[in-house]
Amino acid sequence: MLSRHLSAALLPFCFAFSSSAFAGDYVVSYAIDAGSLNDTGTVRSCRYGELCRVSSKSLDLSILISVYLPLRRNQKELNVSVSGGRSRPDCCFLSDGVDWRSFTLEESFFEIRLYEGHARRRNEFLINSPLGILYLQFSDLK
């Protein structure tokens, strides 16, 4: 009888601590395949609506990821920005010479092609050099 009351009393505390610790968190595992230069890792402290930083020292890249929960639709929004010191300061690493992209996060696995070159200026026709592929795996998504 005492154990039943004790477990009933502890149950709200368990839910309170677990929900505050994990309510807005998700995990990102990444791999970058850039020919002879590769990097992998995991970032466990990402929160919805906030920037999550992935740093690759071997490739001199910084990747900013943000996932937003939907307001009306069931689809999450994924924003990815890639920057670094591999090239000139105005270098960008995503297709079409942009420094960030927005995607609908329908699957937990993402593959994004990386390029090296410079940012698009006005109507400039741009072909940047392929650098490699960024793989993102999301887990613990709501």
Protein backbone atom coordinates (compact mmCIF):
# COMPACT_ATOMS: atom_id res chain seq x y z
CA MET A 1 0.00 0.00 0.00
CA LEU A 2 2.82 2.40 0.91
CA SER A 3 4.70 1.58 -2.28
CA ARG A 4 1.60 2.36 -4.36
CA HIS A 5 1.27 5.82 -2.75
CA LEU A 6 5.00 6.45 -3.07
CA SER A 7 5.03 5.56 -6.77
CA ALA A 8 1.92 7.68 -7.36
CA ALA A 9 3.63 10.61 -5.63
CA LEU A 10 6.90 10.21 -7.59
CA LEU A 11 5.25 9.82 -10.99
CA PRO A 12 4.56 13.56 -11.54
CA PHE A 13 8.17 14.39 -10.61
CA CYS A 14 9.52 11.89 -13.15
CA PHE A 15 7.37 13.37 -15.90
CA ALA A 16 8.33 16.90 -14.92
CA PHE A 17 12.05 16.20 -15.10
CA SER A 18 11.90 14.13 -18.28
CA SER A 19 9.68 16.59 -20.14
CA SER A 20 11.83 19.61 -19.26
CA ALA A 21 15.00 17.79 -20.25
CA PHE A 22 13.79 16.41 -23.55
CA ALA A 23 10.74 18.42 -24.66
CA GLY A 24 12.56 20.65 -27.14
CA ASP A 25 15.61 18.53 -27.89
CA TYR A 26 16.63 16.52 -30.92
CA VAL A 27 19.88 14.87 -31.99
CA VAL A 28 21.78 15.47 -35.23
CA SER A 29 24.34 12.99 -36.52
CA TYR A 30 26.35 14.15 -39.49
CA ALA A 31 28.85 12.89 -42.02
CA ILE A 32 30.70 14.95 -44.59
CA ASP A 33 32.17 13.14 -47.58
CA ALA A 34 34.55 15.43 -49.45
CA GLY A 35 36.79 12.98 -51.29
CA SER A 36 39.93 12.47 -49.22
CA LEU A 37 38.62 14.72 -46.42
CA ASN A 38 35.81 13.26 -44.32
CA ASP A 39 34.28 14.04 -40.96
CA THR A 40 31.55 12.55 -38.76
CA GLY A 41 30.00 13.38 -35.43
CA THR A 42 26.88 13.87 -33.35
CA VAL A 43 25.38 16.93 -31.69
CA ARG A 44 23.01 15.96 -28.90
CA SER A 45 21.93 19.34 -27.55
CA CYS A 46 19.87 20.80 -30.41
CA ARG A 47 16.61 22.56 -29.55
CA TYR A 48 13.65 23.37 -31.79
CA GLY A 49 13.64 26.95 -33.05
CA GLU A 50 17.28 27.57 -32.08
CA LEU A 51 20.51 27.33 -34.07
CA CYS A 52 22.47 24.12 -33.66
CA ARG A 53 26.16 24.31 -34.67
CA VAL A 54 28.11 21.49 -36.30
CA SER A 55 31.82 22.22 -36.68
CA SER A 56 34.21 20.32 -38.90
CA LYS A 57 37.79 21.31 -38.09
CA SER A 58 39.29 19.00 -40.71
CA LEU A 59 37.22 20.65 -43.48
CA ASP A 60 37.18 24.13 -41.89
CA LEU A 61 33.38 24.25 -42.14
CA SER A 62 30.71 25.49 -39.79
CA ILE A 63 27.18 24.24 -40.33
CA LEU A 64 24.20 25.91 -38.67
CA ILE A 65 21.01 23.87 -38.47
CA SER A 66 17.62 24.89 -37.19
CA VAL A 67 14.41 22.86 -37.10
CA TYR A 68 11.09 24.59 -36.58
CA LEU A 69 7.94 22.83 -35.49
CA PRO A 70 4.94 23.49 -37.72
CA LEU A 71 2.27 25.96 -36.74
CA ARG A 72 -0.47 24.61 -39.01
CA ARG A 73 0.95 21.81 -41.11
CA ASN A 74 2.48 18.54 -39.94
CA GLN A 75 5.76 19.28 -41.73
CA LYS A 76 8.80 20.55 -39.87
CA GLU A 77 10.97 23.20 -41.50
CA LEU A 78 14.72 22.59 -41.72
CA ASN A 79 17.13 25.48 -42.34
CA VAL A 80 20.78 24.78 -43.13
CA SER A 81 23.63 27.27 -43.47
CA VAL A 82 27.20 26.29 -44.34
CA SER A 83 30.18 28.63 -43.99
CA GLY A 84 33.90 28.34 -43.47
CA GLY A 85 37.37 29.51 -44.28
CA ARG A 86 38.18 27.03 -47.05
CA SER A 87 38.05 29.69 -49.74
CA ARG A 88 37.51 33.43 -49.99
CA PRO A 89 35.48 35.15 -47.26
CA ASP A 90 32.43 35.44 -49.54
CA CYS A 91 32.45 31.71 -50.23
CA CYS A 92 29.28 29.75 -49.96
CA PHE A 93 28.85 26.02 -49.98
CA LEU A 94 25.30 25.33 -51.15
CA SER A 95 23.99 25.07 -54.70
CA ASP A 96 23.27 28.23 -56.69
CA GLY A 97 25.79 30.22 -54.64
CA VAL A 98 23.64 30.70 -51.55
CA ASP A 99 24.73 30.44 -47.94
CA TRP A 100 21.49 28.91 -46.53
CA ARG A 101 18.65 26.69 -47.70
CA SER A 102 15.25 25.82 -46.31
CA PHE A 103 13.76 22.33 -46.64
CA THR A 104 10.68 20.48 -45.50
CA LEU A 105 11.80 17.85 -43.02
CA GLU A 106 9.69 14.87 -44.07
CA GLU A 107 12.28 12.15 -43.44
CA SER A 108 14.83 11.83 -40.65
CA PHE A 109 17.72 11.47 -43.15
CA PHE A 110 18.96 14.30 -45.38
CA GLU A 111 21.60 14.50 -48.10
CA ILE A 112 22.82 17.96 -49.15
CA ARG A 113 25.41 18.56 -51.87
CA LEU A 114 28.18 21.00 -50.97
CA TYR A 115 29.99 23.31 -53.41
CA GLU A 116 32.96 25.67 -53.28
CA GLY A 117 32.98 29.05 -54.93
CA HIS A 118 31.49 32.46 -54.39
CA ALA A 119 28.06 33.91 -53.74
CA ARG A 120 25.77 34.83 -56.60
CA ARG A 121 25.83 38.53 -57.45
CA ARG A 122 22.53 39.82 -58.89
CA ASN A 123 21.74 37.84 -62.09
CA GLU A 124 25.17 36.26 -62.39
CA PHE A 125 25.30 32.78 -63.94
CA LEU A 126 27.17 30.70 -61.41
CA ILE A 127 28.74 27.25 -61.47
CA ASN A 128 30.62 26.47 -58.26
CA SER A 129 32.91 23.46 -57.91
CA PRO A 130 31.54 20.35 -56.20
CA LEU A 131 33.06 19.85 -52.75
CA GLY A 132 31.21 16.81 -51.39
CA ILE A 133 28.06 15.68 -49.64
CA LEU A 134 26.70 16.53 -46.20
CA TYR A 135 24.61 13.78 -44.64
CA LEU A 136 22.30 14.66 -41.75
CA GLN A 137 20.42 12.14 -39.62
CA PHE A 138 17.86 13.45 -37.14
CA SER A 139 16.65 11.45 -34.17
CA ASP A 140 14.34 12.11 -31.23
CA LEU A 141 12.20 14.35 -33.43
CA LYS A 142 8.75 15.23 -32.13
